[in-house]
Amino acid sequence: MGVNAVGFGVPSTDAVNLSGGGGDSRLKALEQKLQKLNQEKEKAVRNHDEEKVKKLEQQIENVKRQIEQLKRKKQKEDKEKKAEEPGEPVQDLPDGPDGSLINRLV
């Protein structure tokens, strides 16, 4: 397979929809692509094809950036999701000096 065919078939990070668990499959696809690019780079190094090595290194860096962006976005979404989760249930306790009820977290 030629170098030109390597970049096709994987949408850019901007097109990623992380809702519904799509982020995990996107991350796996990018990691597989990274592994394949690294293998191609090793082959190009063995064949002393410096031009191909340079192109593959650029593609590798691009995929690494996409992976990092995806991981950061997923972490941010997980953090926001956790912050939106309800806290502990509220229970009314007789705490007032006159025996009145005061809402407190249990």
PDB file of N, CA and C in Angstrom:
ATOM      1  N   MET A   1       0.846  -1.172   0.000  1.00  0.00           N
ATOM      2  CA  MET A   1       0.000   0.000   0.000  1.00  0.00           C
ATOM      3  C   MET A   1       0.885   1.225   0.000  1.00  0.00           C
ATOM      4  N   GLY A   2       0.519   2.213  -0.778  1.00  0.00           N
ATOM      5  CA  GLY A   2       1.292   3.439  -0.880  1.00  0.00           C
ATOM      6  C   GLY A   2       1.027   4.372   0.277  1.00  0.00           C
ATOM      7  N   VAL A   3       1.901   5.330   0.434  1.00  0.00           N
ATOM      8  CA  VAL A   3       1.787   6.297   1.522  1.00  0.00           C
ATOM      9  C   VAL A   3       0.514   7.112   1.390  1.00  0.00           C
ATOM     10  N   ASN A   4       0.119   7.445   0.162  1.00  0.00           N
ATOM     11  CA  ASN A   4      -1.054   8.279  -0.036  1.00  0.00           C
ATOM     12  C   ASN A   4      -2.328   7.638   0.483  1.00  0.00           C
ATOM     13  N   ALA A   5      -2.425   6.328   0.491  1.00  0.00           N
ATOM     14  CA  ALA A   5      -3.642   5.647   0.917  1.00  0.00           C
ATOM     15  C   ALA A   5      -3.782   5.595   2.431  1.00  0.00           C
ATOM     16  N   VAL A   6      -2.719   5.899   3.161  1.00  0.00           N
ATOM     17  CA  VAL A   6      -2.736   5.766   4.607  1.00  0.00           C
ATOM     18  C   VAL A   6      -3.710   6.741   5.258  1.00  0.00           C
ATOM     19  N   GLY A   7      -3.820   7.969   4.767  1.00  0.00           N
ATOM     20  CA  GLY A   7      -4.621   8.988   5.421  1.00  0.00           C
ATOM     21  C   GLY A   7      -6.105   8.911   5.135  1.00  0.00           C
ATOM     22  N   PHE A   8      -6.554   8.030   4.270  1.00  0.00           N
ATOM     23  CA  PHE A   8      -7.957   7.987   3.907  1.00  0.00           C
ATOM     24  C   PHE A   8      -8.735   7.047   4.810  1.00  0.00           C
ATOM     25  N   GLY A   9     -10.031   7.320   4.937  1.00  0.00           N
ATOM     26  CA  GLY A   9     -10.902   6.417   5.672  1.00  0.00           C
ATOM     27  C   GLY A   9     -11.080   6.770   7.127  1.00  0.00           C
ATOM     28  N   VAL A  10     -10.342   7.719   7.654  1.00  0.00           N
ATOM     29  CA  VAL A  10     -10.478   8.112   9.041  1.00  0.00           C
ATOM     30  C   VAL A  10     -10.835   9.588   9.076  1.00  0.00           C
ATOM     31  N   PRO A  11     -12.023   9.944   9.603  1.00  0.00           N
ATOM     32  CA  PRO A  11     -12.426  11.345   9.626  1.00  0.00           C
ATOM     33  C   PRO A  11     -11.557  12.157  10.572  1.00  0.00           C
ATOM     34  N   SER A  12     -11.556  13.452  10.372  1.00  0.00           N
ATOM     35  CA  SER A  12     -10.774  14.313  11.247  1.00  0.00           C
ATOM     36  C   SER A  12     -11.408  14.349  12.629  1.00  0.00           C
ATOM     37  N   THR A  13     -10.649  14.805  13.621  1.00  0.00           N
ATOM     38  CA  THR A  13     -11.127  14.884  14.990  1.00  0.00           C
ATOM     39  C   THR A  13     -12.346  15.785  15.086  1.00  0.00           C
ATOM     40  N   ASP A  14     -12.449  16.803  14.221  1.00  0.00           N
ATOM     41  CA  ASP A  14     -13.580  17.712  14.261  1.00  0.00           C
ATOM     42  C   ASP A  14     -14.887  16.994  13.971  1.00  0.00           C
ATOM     43  N   ALA A  15     -14.843  15.913  13.218  1.00  0.00           N
ATOM     44  CA  ALA A  15     -16.052  15.199  12.830  1.00  0.00           C
ATOM     45  C   ALA A  15     -16.466  14.153  13.866  1.00  0.00           C
ATOM     46  N   VAL A  16     -15.741  14.051  14.961  1.00  0.00           N
ATOM     47  CA  VAL A  16     -16.013  13.024  15.955  1.00  0.00           C
ATOM     48  C   VAL A  16     -17.235  13.408  16.785  1.00  0.00           C
ATOM     49  N   ASN A  17     -18.129  12.442  16.974  1.00  0.00           N
ATOM     50  CA  ASN A  17     -19.267  12.630  17.857  1.00  0.00           C
ATOM     51  C   ASN A  17     -19.067  11.700  19.034  1.00  0.00           C
ATOM     52  N   LEU A  18     -18.733  12.245  20.187  1.00  0.00           N
ATOM     53  CA  LEU A  18     -18.422  11.413  21.335  1.00  0.00           C
ATOM     54  C   LEU A  18     -19.659  10.939  22.071  1.00  0.00           C
ATOM     55  N   SER A  19     -20.826  11.465  21.781  1.00  0.00           N
ATOM     56  CA  SER A  19     -22.023  11.010  22.460  1.00  0.00           C
ATOM     57  C   SER A  19     -22.359   9.614  21.971  1.00  0.00           C
ATOM     58  N   GLY A  20     -22.843   8.782  22.864  1.00  0.00           N
ATOM     59  CA  GLY A  20     -23.223   7.439  22.490  1.00  0.00           C
ATOM     60  C   GLY A  20     -22.054   6.475  22.426  1.00  0.00           C
ATOM     61  N   GLY A  21     -20.909   6.806  22.997  1.00  0.00           N
ATOM     62  CA  GLY A  21     -19.791   5.877  23.059  1.00  0.00           C
ATOM     63  C   GLY A  21     -18.942   5.837  21.812  1.00  0.00           C
ATOM     64  N   GLY A  22     -19.178   6.718  20.849  1.00  0.00           N
ATOM     65  CA  GLY A  22     -18.402   6.723  19.627  1.00  0.00           C
ATOM     66  C   GLY A  22     -16.946   7.072  19.835  1.00  0.00           C
ATOM     67  N   GLY A  23     -16.634   7.761  20.921  1.00  0.00           N
ATOM     68  CA  GLY A  23     -15.268   8.171  21.192  1.00  0.00           C
ATOM     69  C   GLY A  23     -14.326   7.010  21.409  1.00  0.00           C
ATOM     70  N   ASP A  24     -14.817   5.955  22.054  1.00  0.00           N
ATOM     71  CA  ASP A  24     -13.962   4.801  22.311  1.00  0.00           C
ATOM     72  C   ASP A  24     -13.582   4.103  21.014  1.00  0.00           C
ATOM     73  N   SER A  25     -14.529   3.949  20.098  1.00  0.00           N
ATOM     74  CA  SER A  25     -14.207   3.296  18.834  1.00  0.00           C
ATOM     75  C   SER A  25     -13.289   4.179  17.996  1.00  0.00           C
ATOM     76  N   ARG A  26     -13.483   5.480  18.067  1.00  0.00           N
ATOM     77  CA  ARG A  26     -12.618   6.428  17.348  1.00  0.00           C
ATOM     78  C   ARG A  26     -11.203   6.344  17.898  1.00  0.00           C
ATOM     79  N   LEU A  27     -11.068   6.273  19.210  1.00  0.00           N
ATOM     80  CA  LEU A  27      -9.751   6.166  19.835  1.00  0.00           C
ATOM     81  C   LEU A  27      -9.060   4.873  19.421  1.00  0.00           C
ATOM     82  N   LYS A  28      -9.786   3.784  19.416  1.00  0.00           N
ATOM     83  CA  LYS A  28      -9.209   2.499  19.003  1.00  0.00           C
ATOM     84  C   LYS A  28      -8.741   2.559  17.552  1.00  0.00           C
ATOM     85  N   ALA A  29      -9.561   3.177  16.696  1.00  0.00           N
ATOM     86  CA  ALA A  29      -9.199   3.285  15.283  1.00  0.00           C
ATOM     87  C   ALA A  29      -7.928   4.102  15.107  1.00  0.00           C
ATOM     88  N   LEU A  30      -7.825   5.199  15.854  1.00  0.00           N
ATOM     89  CA  LEU A  30      -6.626   6.038  15.759  1.00  0.00           C
ATOM     90  C   LEU A  30      -5.394   5.304  16.279  1.00  0.00           C
ATOM     91  N   GLU A  31      -5.552   4.543  17.357  1.00  0.00           N
ATOM     92  CA  GLU A  31      -4.418   3.795  17.898  1.00  0.00           C
ATOM     93  C   GLU A  31      -3.968   2.712  16.919  1.00  0.00           C
ATOM     94  N   GLN A  32      -4.929   2.082  16.237  1.00  0.00           N
ATOM     95  CA  GLN A  32      -4.575   1.078  15.228  1.00  0.00           C
ATOM     96  C   GLN A  32      -3.852   1.739  14.055  1.00  0.00           C
ATOM     97  N   LYS A  33      -4.341   2.912  13.658  1.00  0.00           N
ATOM     98  CA  LYS A  33      -3.706   3.649  12.562  1.00  0.00           C
ATOM     99  C   LYS A  33      -2.277   4.029  12.950  1.00  0.00           C
ATOM    100  N   LEU A  34      -2.090   4.469  14.195  1.00  0.00           N
ATOM    101  CA  LEU A  34      -0.759   4.834  14.678  1.00  0.00           C
ATOM    102  C   LEU A  34       0.182   3.633  14.623  1.00  0.00           C
ATOM    103  N   GLN A  35      -0.312   2.493  15.046  1.00  0.00           N
ATOM    104  CA  GLN A  35       0.508   1.281  15.018  1.00  0.00           C
ATOM    105  C   GLN A  35       0.903   0.932  13.580  1.00  0.00           C
ATOM    106  N   LYS A  36      -0.043   1.040  12.667  1.00  0.00           N
ATOM    107  CA  LYS A  36       0.227   0.727  11.261  1.00  0.00           C
ATOM    108  C   LYS A  36       1.250   1.700  10.675  1.00  0.00           C
ATOM    109  N   LEU A  37       1.100   2.987  10.994  1.00  0.00           N
ATOM    110  CA  LEU A  37       2.049   3.991  10.501  1.00  0.00           C
ATOM    111  C   LEU A  37       3.450   3.727  11.040  1.00  0.00           C
ATOM    112  N   ASN A  38       3.545   3.344  12.293  1.00  0.00           N
ATOM    113  CA  ASN A  38       4.852   3.038  12.885  1.00  0.00           C
ATOM    114  C   ASN A  38       5.497   1.838  12.191  1.00  0.00           C
ATOM    115  N   GLN A  39       4.687   0.840  11.850  1.00  0.00           N
ATOM    116  CA  GLN A  39       5.223  -0.318  11.139  1.00  0.00           C
ATOM    117  C   GLN A  39       5.722   0.077   9.752  1.00  0.00           C
ATOM    118  N   GLU A  40       4.929   0.918   9.068  1.00  0.00           N
ATOM    119  CA  GLU A  40       5.348   1.388   7.747  1.00  0.00           C
ATOM    120  C   GLU A  40       6.623   2.215   7.842  1.00  0.00           C
ATOM    121  N   LYS A  41       6.735   3.006   8.910  1.00  0.00           N
ATOM    122  CA  LYS A  41       7.935   3.823   9.090  1.00  0.00           C
ATOM    123  C   LYS A  41       9.156   2.924   9.296  1.00  0.00           C
ATOM    124  N   GLU A  42       9.002   1.885  10.117  1.00  0.00           N
ATOM    125  CA  GLU A  42      10.109   0.953  10.340  1.00  0.00           C
ATOM    126  C   GLU A  42      10.564   0.326   9.027  1.00  0.00           C
ATOM    127  N   LYS A  43       9.600  -0.036   8.201  1.00  0.00           N
ATOM    128  CA  LYS A  43       9.926  -0.633   6.897  1.00  0.00           C
ATOM    129  C   LYS A  43      10.667   0.381   6.021  1.00  0.00           C
ATOM    130  N   ALA A  44      10.191   1.633   6.034  1.00  0.00           N
ATOM    131  CA  ALA A  44      10.842   2.679   5.236  1.00  0.00           C
ATOM    132  C   ALA A  44      12.264   2.932   5.736  1.00  0.00           C
ATOM    133  N   VAL A  45      12.463   2.863   7.044  1.00  0.00           N
ATOM    134  CA  VAL A  45      13.809   3.041   7.611  1.00  0.00           C
ATOM    135  C   VAL A  45      14.719   1.909   7.134  1.00  0.00           C
ATOM    136  N   ARG A  46      14.195   0.678   7.178  1.00  0.00           N
ATOM    137  CA  ARG A  46      14.993  -0.472   6.711  1.00  0.00           C
ATOM    138  C   ARG A  46      15.344  -0.348   5.234  1.00  0.00           C
ATOM    139  N   ASN A  47      14.426   0.252   4.458  1.00  0.00           N
ATOM    140  CA  ASN A  47      14.651   0.422   3.017  1.00  0.00           C
ATOM    141  C   ASN A  47      15.403   1.714   2.688  1.00  0.00           C
ATOM    142  N   HIS A  48      15.791   2.448   3.704  1.00  0.00           N
ATOM    143  CA  HIS A  48      16.526   3.709   3.541  1.00  0.00           C
ATOM    144  C   HIS A  48      15.772   4.709   2.660  1.00  0.00           C
ATOM    145  N   ASP A  49      14.453   4.758   2.816  1.00  0.00           N
ATOM    146  CA  ASP A  49      13.600   5.680   2.064  1.00  0.00           C
ATOM    147  C   ASP A  49      13.319   6.890   2.953  1.00  0.00           C
ATOM    148  N   GLU A  50      14.270   7.826   2.929  1.00  0.00           N
ATOM    149  CA  GLU A  50      14.194   8.977   3.837  1.00  0.00           C
ATOM    150  C   GLU A  50      12.969   9.849   3.580  1.00  0.00           C
ATOM    151  N   GLU A  51      12.594  10.013   2.332  1.00  0.00           N
ATOM    152  CA  GLU A  51      11.428  10.837   2.010  1.00  0.00           C
ATOM    153  C   GLU A  51      10.149  10.224   2.603  1.00  0.00           C
ATOM    154  N   LYS A  52      10.015   8.915   2.453  1.00  0.00           N
ATOM    155  CA  LYS A  52       8.839   8.229   3.002  1.00  0.00           C
ATOM    156  C   LYS A  52       8.858   8.283   4.523  1.00  0.00           C
ATOM    157  N   VAL A  53      10.035   8.152   5.126  1.00  0.00           N
ATOM    158  CA  VAL A  53      10.156   8.239   6.586  1.00  0.00           C
ATOM    159  C   VAL A  53       9.654   9.593   7.070  1.00  0.00           C
ATOM    160  N   LYS A  54      10.060  10.673   6.401  1.00  0.00           N
ATOM    161  CA  LYS A  54       9.631  12.021   6.802  1.00  0.00           C
ATOM    162  C   LYS A  54       8.117  12.178   6.698  1.00  0.00           C
ATOM    163  N   LYS A  55       7.533  11.688   5.608  1.00  0.00           N
ATOM    164  CA  LYS A  55       6.075  11.776   5.433  1.00  0.00           C
ATOM    165  C   LYS A  55       5.353  10.991   6.524  1.00  0.00           C
ATOM    166  N   LEU A  56       5.858   9.799   6.798  1.00  0.00           N
ATOM    167  CA  LEU A  56       5.225   8.970   7.822  1.00  0.00           C
ATOM    168  C   LEU A  56       5.364   9.586   9.209  1.00  0.00           C
ATOM    169  N   GLU A  57       6.506  10.212   9.479  1.00  0.00           N
ATOM    170  CA  GLU A  57       6.685  10.879  10.775  1.00  0.00           C
ATOM    171  C   GLU A  57       5.667  11.998  10.951  1.00  0.00           C
ATOM    172  N   GLN A  58       5.389  12.745   9.882  1.00  0.00           N
ATOM    173  CA  GLN A  58       4.385  13.808   9.948  1.00  0.00           C
ATOM    174  C   GLN A  58       3.000  13.215  10.208  1.00  0.00           C
ATOM    175  N   GLN A  59       2.679  12.130   9.520  1.00  0.00           N
ATOM    176  CA  GLN A  59       1.387  11.490   9.722  1.00  0.00           C
ATOM    177  C   GLN A  59       1.266  10.932  11.141  1.00  0.00           C
ATOM    178  N   ILE A  60       2.351  10.368  11.645  1.00  0.00           N
ATOM    179  CA  ILE A  60       2.372   9.825  13.004  1.00  0.00           C
ATOM    180  C   ILE A  60       2.104  10.937  14.010  1.00  0.00           C
ATOM    181  N   GLU A  61       2.766  12.068  13.847  1.00  0.00           N
ATOM    182  CA  GLU A  61       2.549  13.196  14.757  1.00  0.00           C
ATOM    183  C   GLU A  61       1.112  13.694  14.686  1.00  0.00           C
ATOM    184  N   ASN A  62       0.550  13.733  13.498  1.00  0.00           N
ATOM    185  CA  ASN A  62      -0.828  14.165  13.330  1.00  0.00           C
ATOM    186  C   ASN A  62      -1.791  13.231  14.067  1.00  0.00           C
ATOM    187  N   VAL A  63      -1.586  11.938  13.920  1.00  0.00           N
ATOM    188  CA  VAL A  63      -2.443  10.961  14.590  1.00  0.00           C
ATOM    189  C   VAL A  63      -2.273  11.059  16.103  1.00  0.00           C
ATOM    190  N   LYS A  64      -1.044  11.243  16.569  1.00  0.00           N
ATOM    191  CA  LYS A  64      -0.806  11.405  18.009  1.00  0.00           C
ATOM    192  C   LYS A  64      -1.559  12.613  18.553  1.00  0.00           C
ATOM    193  N   ARG A  65      -1.545  13.721  17.796  1.00  0.00           N
ATOM    194  CA  ARG A  65      -2.284  14.919  18.225  1.00  0.00           C
ATOM    195  C   ARG A  65      -3.785  14.635  18.289  1.00  0.00           C
ATOM    196  N   GLN A  66      -4.286  13.921  17.296  1.00  0.00           N
ATOM    197  CA  GLN A  66      -5.708  13.584  17.287  1.00  0.00           C
ATOM    198  C   GLN A  66      -6.076  12.720  18.491  1.00  0.00           C
ATOM    199  N   ILE A  67      -5.218  11.771  18.814  1.00  0.00           N
ATOM    200  CA  ILE A  67      -5.459  10.902  19.970  1.00  0.00           C
ATOM    201  C   ILE A  67      -5.490  11.731  21.251  1.00  0.00           C
ATOM    202  N   GLU A  68      -4.527  12.624  21.412  1.00  0.00           N
ATOM    203  CA  GLU A  68      -4.485  13.462  22.609  1.00  0.00           C
ATOM    204  C   GLU A  68      -5.702  14.372  22.707  1.00  0.00           C
ATOM    205  N   GLN A  69      -6.112  14.961  21.586  1.00  0.00           N
ATOM    206  CA  GLN A  69      -7.310  15.809  21.583  1.00  0.00           C
ATOM    207  C   GLN A  69      -8.537  15.005  21.987  1.00  0.00           C
ATOM    208  N   LEU A  70      -8.650  13.820  21.461  1.00  0.00           N
ATOM    209  CA  LEU A  70      -9.791  12.969  21.762  1.00  0.00           C
ATOM    210  C   LEU A  70      -9.798  12.577  23.239  1.00  0.00           C
ATOM    211  N   LYS A  71      -8.633  12.246  23.777  1.00  0.00           N
ATOM    212  CA  LYS A  71      -8.539  11.887  25.193  1.00  0.00           C
ATOM    213  C   LYS A  71      -8.900  13.070  26.083  1.00  0.00           C
ATOM    214  N   ARG A  72      -8.392  14.267  25.728  1.00  0.00           N
ATOM    215  CA  ARG A  72      -8.717  15.458  26.530  1.00  0.00           C
ATOM    216  C   ARG A  72     -10.208  15.765  26.489  1.00  0.00           C
ATOM    217  N   LYS A  73     -10.801  15.642  25.306  1.00  0.00           N
ATOM    218  CA  LYS A  73     -12.227  15.910  25.163  1.00  0.00           C
ATOM    219  C   LYS A  73     -13.034  14.917  25.987  1.00  0.00           C
ATOM    220  N   LYS A  74     -12.648  13.647  25.945  1.00  0.00           N
ATOM    221  CA  LYS A  74     -13.341  12.610  26.708  1.00  0.00           C
ATOM    222  C   LYS A  74     -13.203  12.873  28.207  1.00  0.00           C
ATOM    223  N   GLN A  75     -12.013  13.251  28.662  1.00  0.00           N
ATOM    224  CA  GLN A  75     -11.806  13.554  30.082  1.00  0.00           C
ATOM    225  C   GLN A  75     -12.677  14.725  30.513  1.00  0.00           C
ATOM    226  N   LYS A  76     -12.738  15.749  29.660  1.00  0.00           N
ATOM    227  CA  LYS A  76     -13.550  16.929  29.980  1.00  0.00           C
ATOM    228  C   LYS A  76     -15.019  16.545  30.086  1.00  0.00           C
ATOM    229  N   GLU A  77     -15.495  15.743  29.131  1.00  0.00           N
ATOM    230  CA  GLU A  77     -16.891  15.316  29.155  1.00  0.00           C
ATOM    231  C   GLU A  77     -17.178  14.447  30.376  1.00  0.00           C
ATOM    232  N   ASP A  78     -16.256  13.553  30.711  1.00  0.00           N
ATOM    233  CA  ASP A  78     -16.438  12.706  31.890  1.00  0.00           C
ATOM    234  C   ASP A  78     -16.496  13.556  33.159  1.00  0.00           C
ATOM    235  N   LYS A  79     -15.640  14.563  33.226  1.00  0.00           N
ATOM    236  CA  LYS A  79     -15.604  15.454  34.388  1.00  0.00           C
ATOM    237  C   LYS A  79     -16.909  16.241  34.501  1.00  0.00           C
ATOM    238  N   GLU A  80     -17.394  16.756  33.362  1.00  0.00           N
ATOM    239  CA  GLU A  80     -18.647  17.508  33.365  1.00  0.00           C
ATOM    240  C   GLU A  80     -19.821  16.606  33.721  1.00  0.00           C
ATOM    241  N   LYS A  81     -19.799  15.398  33.215  1.00  0.00           N
ATOM    242  CA  LYS A  81     -20.864  14.448  33.498  1.00  0.00           C
ATOM    243  C   LYS A  81     -20.899  14.114  34.987  1.00  0.00           C
ATOM    244  N   LYS A  82     -19.731  13.944  35.573  1.00  0.00           N
ATOM    245  CA  LYS A  82     -19.648  13.623  36.994  1.00  0.00           C
ATOM    246  C   LYS A  82     -20.138  14.798  37.833  1.00  0.00           C
ATOM    247  N   ALA A  83     -19.833  16.014  37.414  1.00  0.00           N
ATOM    248  CA  ALA A  83     -20.269  17.198  38.155  1.00  0.00           C
ATOM    249  C   ALA A  83     -21.785  17.359  38.097  1.00  0.00           C
ATOM    250  N   GLU A  84     -22.409  16.847  37.044  1.00  0.00           N
ATOM    251  CA  GLU A  84     -23.857  16.956  36.902  1.00  0.00           C
ATOM    252  C   GLU A  84     -24.611  15.891  37.686  1.00  0.00           C
ATOM    253  N   GLU A  85     -23.927  14.859  38.145  1.00  0.00           N
ATOM    254  CA  GLU A  85     -24.592  13.784  38.882  1.00  0.00           C
ATOM    255  C   GLU A  85     -25.137  14.329  40.189  1.00  0.00           C
ATOM    256  N   PRO A  86     -26.298  13.841  40.608  1.00  0.00           N
ATOM    257  CA  PRO A  86     -26.874  14.336  41.861  1.00  0.00           C
ATOM    258  C   PRO A  86     -26.005  13.959  43.049  1.00  0.00           C
ATOM    259  N   GLY A  87     -26.031  14.815  44.048  1.00  0.00           N
ATOM    260  CA  GLY A  87     -25.259  14.570  45.265  1.00  0.00           C
ATOM    261  C   GLY A  87     -25.978  13.596  46.174  1.00  0.00           C
ATOM    262  N   GLU A  88     -25.585  13.565  47.408  1.00  0.00           N
ATOM    263  CA  GLU A  88     -26.199  12.697  48.408  1.00  0.00           C
ATOM    264  C   GLU A  88     -27.643  13.128  48.647  1.00  0.00           C
ATOM    265  N   PRO A  89     -28.489  12.201  49.022  1.00  0.00           N
ATOM    266  CA  PRO A  89     -29.884  12.562  49.293  1.00  0.00           C
ATOM    267  C   PRO A  89     -29.992  13.493  50.495  1.00  0.00           C
ATOM    268  N   VAL A  90     -30.996  14.336  50.441  1.00  0.00           N
ATOM    269  CA  VAL A  90     -31.229  15.287  51.529  1.00  0.00           C
ATOM    270  C   VAL A  90     -32.223  14.671  52.500  1.00  0.00           C
ATOM    271  N   GLN A  91     -31.919  14.795  53.795  1.00  0.00           N
ATOM    272  CA  GLN A  91     -32.817  14.262  54.811  1.00  0.00           C
ATOM    273  C   GLN A  91     -33.128  15.382  55.790  1.00  0.00           C
ATOM    274  N   ASP A  92     -34.394  15.496  56.185  1.00  0.00           N
ATOM    275  CA  ASP A  92     -34.782  16.510  57.161  1.00  0.00           C
ATOM    276  C   ASP A  92     -34.458  16.006  58.559  1.00  0.00           C
ATOM    277  N   LEU A  93     -33.736  16.826  59.307  1.00  0.00           N
ATOM    278  CA  LEU A  93     -33.357  16.483  60.672  1.00  0.00           C
ATOM    279  C   LEU A  93     -33.819  17.589  61.617  1.00  0.00           C
ATOM    280  N   PRO A  94     -34.279  17.219  62.802  1.00  0.00           N
ATOM    281  CA  PRO A  94     -34.656  18.256  63.771  1.00  0.00           C
ATOM    282  C   PRO A  94     -33.408  18.860  64.393  1.00  0.00           C
ATOM    283  N   ASP A  95     -32.944  19.983  63.822  1.00  0.00           N
ATOM    284  CA  ASP A  95     -31.709  20.595  64.294  1.00  0.00           C
ATOM    285  C   ASP A  95     -31.920  21.980  64.883  1.00  0.00           C
ATOM    286  N   GLY A  96     -33.015  22.596  64.558  1.00  0.00           N
ATOM    287  CA  GLY A  96     -33.222  23.956  65.037  1.00  0.00           C
ATOM    288  C   GLY A  96     -33.384  23.985  66.553  1.00  0.00           C
ATOM    289  N   PRO A  97     -33.050  25.104  67.160  1.00  0.00           N
ATOM    290  CA  PRO A  97     -33.150  25.222  68.619  1.00  0.00           C
ATOM    291  C   PRO A  97     -34.581  25.016  69.113  1.00  0.00           C
ATOM    292  N   ASP A  98     -35.530  25.288  68.240  1.00  0.00           N
ATOM    293  CA  ASP A  98     -36.934  25.107  68.643  1.00  0.00           C
ATOM    294  C   ASP A  98     -37.499  23.792  68.116  1.00  0.00           C
ATOM    295  N   GLY A  99     -36.592  22.880  67.606  1.00  0.00           N
ATOM    296  CA  GLY A  99     -37.042  21.597  67.092  1.00  0.00           C
ATOM    297  C   GLY A  99     -37.491  21.640  65.646  1.00  0.00           C
ATOM    298  N   SER A 100     -37.269  22.799  64.979  1.00  0.00           N
ATOM    299  CA  SER A 100     -37.666  22.904  63.577  1.00  0.00           C
ATOM    300  C   SER A 100     -36.734  22.078  62.695  1.00  0.00           C
ATOM    301  N   LEU A 101     -37.234  21.729  61.524  1.00  0.00           N
ATOM    302  CA  LEU A 101     -36.446  20.905  60.612  1.00  0.00           C
ATOM    303  C   LEU A 101     -35.521  21.774  59.764  1.00  0.00           C
ATOM    304  N   ILE A 102     -34.307  21.285  59.560  1.00  0.00           N
ATOM    305  CA  ILE A 102     -33.320  21.957  58.719  1.00  0.00           C
ATOM    306  C   ILE A 102     -32.836  20.940  57.692  1.00  0.00           C
ATOM    307  N   ASN A 103     -32.839  21.336  56.417  1.00  0.00           N
ATOM    308  CA  ASN A 103     -32.348  20.432  55.367  1.00  0.00           C
ATOM    309  C   ASN A 103     -30.834  20.266  55.480  1.00  0.00           C
ATOM    310  N   ARG A 104     -30.402  19.013  55.419  1.00  0.00           N
ATOM    311  CA  ARG A 104     -28.965  18.718  55.505  1.00  0.00           C
ATOM    312  C   ARG A 104     -28.644  17.568  54.571  1.00  0.00           C
ATOM    313  N   LEU A 105     -27.414  17.581  54.081  1.00  0.00           N
ATOM    314  CA  LEU A 105     -26.930  16.431  53.330  1.00  0.00           C
ATOM    315  C   LEU A 105     -26.549  15.341  54.297  1.00  0.00           C
ATOM    316  N   VAL A 106     -26.893  14.113  53.972  1.00  0.00           N
ATOM    317  CA  VAL A 106     -26.580  12.976  54.847  1.00  0.00           C
ATOM    318  C   VAL A 106     -25.250  12.406  54.433  1.00  0.00           C
TER     319      VAL A 106
END
